[in-house]
Amino acid sequence: MNQRKRDYFDRQVERVLNELPEEVKRLLDVIPLHVEDYPSKSIMRSKKIKYIDDLCGYFSGVPIGEQIHAQPKTPTTITIFRYGIFSLAFNKDGKFSPKELRRQIKITILHELGHYHGINEKEIKKLGYG
């Protein structure tokens, strides 16, 4: 991804973060949010992802409800992926929508925070963040 697109995406992430409720912002003070172009090969293998733009976000760590019973082997983090989220910001005619990009960034962040709280994929989809 070229630097111009990367910078644009990152500005949109900042905009979305600024618009999130204070409770969510406080969570993101505790859980680092990383932004990468695409998932690593190991994440793609573990998630059985074939294309780099098929994944928008990734939660790493132990969900909060399980932390009492298990010490995290890796730090708890949320990573969102520019390629995956950008791919969802185009309509069926191929027109890019900045509004849709921000919506997808927000959905992805909330989706991954759901995993931190122990919510599975099916439940997250029911909540509208799938």
Protein backbone atom coordinates (compact mmCIF):
# COMPACT_ATOMS: atom_id res chain seq x y z
CA MET A 1 0.00 0.00 0.00
CA ASN A 2 1.38 3.39 -0.85
CA GLN A 3 2.12 5.91 1.88
CA ARG A 4 -0.61 8.31 0.76
CA LYS A 5 -3.34 5.66 1.17
CA ARG A 6 -1.82 4.51 4.44
CA ASP A 7 -1.82 8.06 5.81
CA TYR A 8 -5.41 8.61 4.65
CA PHE A 9 -6.56 5.43 6.34
CA ASP A 10 -4.76 6.33 9.56
CA ARG A 11 -6.40 9.76 9.62
CA GLN A 12 -9.78 8.04 9.28
CA VAL A 13 -8.91 5.73 12.18
CA GLU A 14 -8.13 8.79 14.32
CA ARG A 15 -11.43 10.34 13.31
CA VAL A 16 -13.34 7.18 14.25
CA LEU A 17 -11.49 6.90 17.56
CA ASN A 18 -12.36 10.49 18.42
CA GLU A 19 -16.05 9.77 17.82
CA LEU A 20 -16.22 6.62 19.96
CA PRO A 21 -17.97 6.73 23.34
CA GLU A 22 -15.73 7.44 26.32
CA GLU A 23 -16.19 3.90 27.68
CA VAL A 24 -14.75 2.45 24.48
CA LYS A 25 -11.89 4.94 24.47
CA ARG A 26 -11.01 3.87 28.02
CA LEU A 27 -10.85 0.25 26.87
CA LEU A 28 -8.49 1.22 24.07
CA ASP A 29 -6.27 2.90 26.67
CA VAL A 30 -5.80 -0.59 28.15
CA ILE A 31 -5.76 -2.67 24.95
CA PRO A 32 -3.28 -1.47 22.34
CA LEU A 33 -4.73 -0.91 18.88
CA HIS A 34 -2.34 -1.67 16.03
CA VAL A 35 -2.92 -0.80 12.39
CA GLU A 36 -1.21 -2.94 9.75
CA ASP A 37 -1.57 -3.20 6.00
CA TYR A 38 -2.50 -6.90 6.09
CA PRO A 39 -2.28 -9.93 8.39
CA SER A 40 0.95 -11.88 8.82
CA LYS A 41 1.33 -15.26 7.15
CA SER A 42 0.98 -16.98 10.54
CA ILE A 43 -2.35 -15.21 11.22
CA MET A 44 -3.55 -16.07 7.73
CA ARG A 45 -2.66 -19.73 8.30
CA SER A 46 -4.27 -19.85 11.75
CA LYS A 47 -7.48 -18.21 10.48
CA LYS A 48 -7.42 -20.15 7.19
CA ILE A 49 -7.39 -16.86 5.26
CA LYS A 50 -6.38 -17.11 1.62
CA TYR A 51 -6.21 -13.44 0.56
CA ILE A 52 -4.70 -10.52 2.46
CA ASP A 53 -7.88 -8.46 2.12
CA ASP A 54 -10.13 -11.17 3.58
CA LEU A 55 -9.43 -10.18 7.19
CA CYS A 56 -10.24 -6.80 8.72
CA GLY A 57 -9.15 -7.31 12.31
CA TYR A 58 -7.54 -9.66 14.77
CA PHE A 59 -7.77 -10.02 18.54
CA SER A 60 -4.70 -11.45 20.21
CA GLY A 61 -4.67 -12.48 23.84
CA VAL A 62 -6.95 -14.02 26.41
CA PRO A 63 -10.53 -12.73 26.72
CA ILE A 64 -11.09 -10.81 29.93
CA GLY A 65 -13.33 -13.49 31.48
CA GLU A 66 -10.64 -16.14 31.05
CA GLN A 67 -7.71 -14.10 32.35
CA ILE A 68 -8.30 -15.28 35.91
CA HIS A 69 -7.70 -18.87 34.83
CA ALA A 70 -5.02 -18.39 32.21
CA GLN A 71 -2.04 -16.12 32.07
CA PRO A 72 -1.77 -14.60 28.60
CA LYS A 73 1.22 -15.94 26.65
CA THR A 74 1.07 -12.95 24.37
CA PRO A 75 0.02 -9.41 25.14
CA THR A 76 -3.61 -8.53 24.58
CA THR A 77 -3.86 -6.45 21.41
CA ILE A 78 -6.27 -5.56 18.67
CA THR A 79 -4.95 -5.21 15.14
CA ILE A 80 -6.94 -3.83 12.24
CA PHE A 81 -5.88 -4.34 8.63
CA ARG A 82 -6.00 -1.59 6.03
CA TYR A 83 -6.40 -3.85 2.97
CA GLY A 84 -9.35 -5.77 4.39
CA ILE A 85 -11.18 -2.68 5.59
CA PHE A 86 -10.45 -0.68 2.42
CA SER A 87 -11.90 -3.53 0.35
CA LEU A 88 -15.25 -3.10 2.13
CA ALA A 89 -15.40 0.63 1.45
CA PHE A 90 -16.23 0.20 -2.24
CA ASN A 91 -19.78 -0.30 -3.46
CA LYS A 92 -20.78 -2.84 -6.10
CA ASP A 93 -20.03 -0.28 -8.84
CA GLY A 94 -16.47 0.14 -7.55
CA LYS A 95 -17.02 3.62 -6.10
CA PHE A 96 -15.10 4.38 -2.91
CA SER A 97 -17.01 5.76 0.08
CA PRO A 98 -15.09 7.54 2.87
CA LYS A 99 -18.17 7.25 5.08
CA GLU A 100 -18.28 3.50 4.54
CA LEU A 101 -14.55 3.28 5.27
CA ARG A 102 -15.08 4.93 8.66
CA ARG A 103 -18.09 2.70 9.34
CA GLN A 104 -16.03 -0.41 8.60
CA ILE A 105 -13.17 0.82 10.81
CA LYS A 106 -15.64 1.32 13.67
CA ILE A 107 -17.29 -2.06 13.12
CA THR A 108 -13.91 -3.78 13.07
CA ILE A 109 -12.70 -2.14 16.28
CA LEU A 110 -15.96 -2.95 18.08
CA HIS A 111 -15.91 -6.49 16.69
CA GLU A 112 -12.44 -7.13 18.09
CA LEU A 113 -13.35 -5.54 21.43
CA GLY A 114 -16.23 -8.02 21.50
CA HIS A 115 -13.69 -10.86 21.35
CA TYR A 116 -11.82 -9.27 24.25
CA HIS A 117 -15.05 -9.56 26.22
CA GLY A 118 -15.43 -13.22 25.24
CA ILE A 119 -18.17 -12.76 22.66
CA ASN A 120 -17.98 -15.31 19.85
CA GLU A 121 -18.41 -14.65 16.11
CA LYS A 122 -22.06 -15.70 16.01
CA GLU A 123 -23.00 -13.40 18.90
CA ILE A 124 -21.00 -10.51 17.43
CA LYS A 125 -22.86 -10.87 14.13
CA LYS A 126 -26.18 -10.79 15.99
CA LEU A 127 -25.09 -7.49 17.54
CA GLY A 128 -24.46 -6.09 14.05
CA TYR A 129 -20.66 -6.07 14.18
CA GLY A 130 -20.00 -9.12 12.02
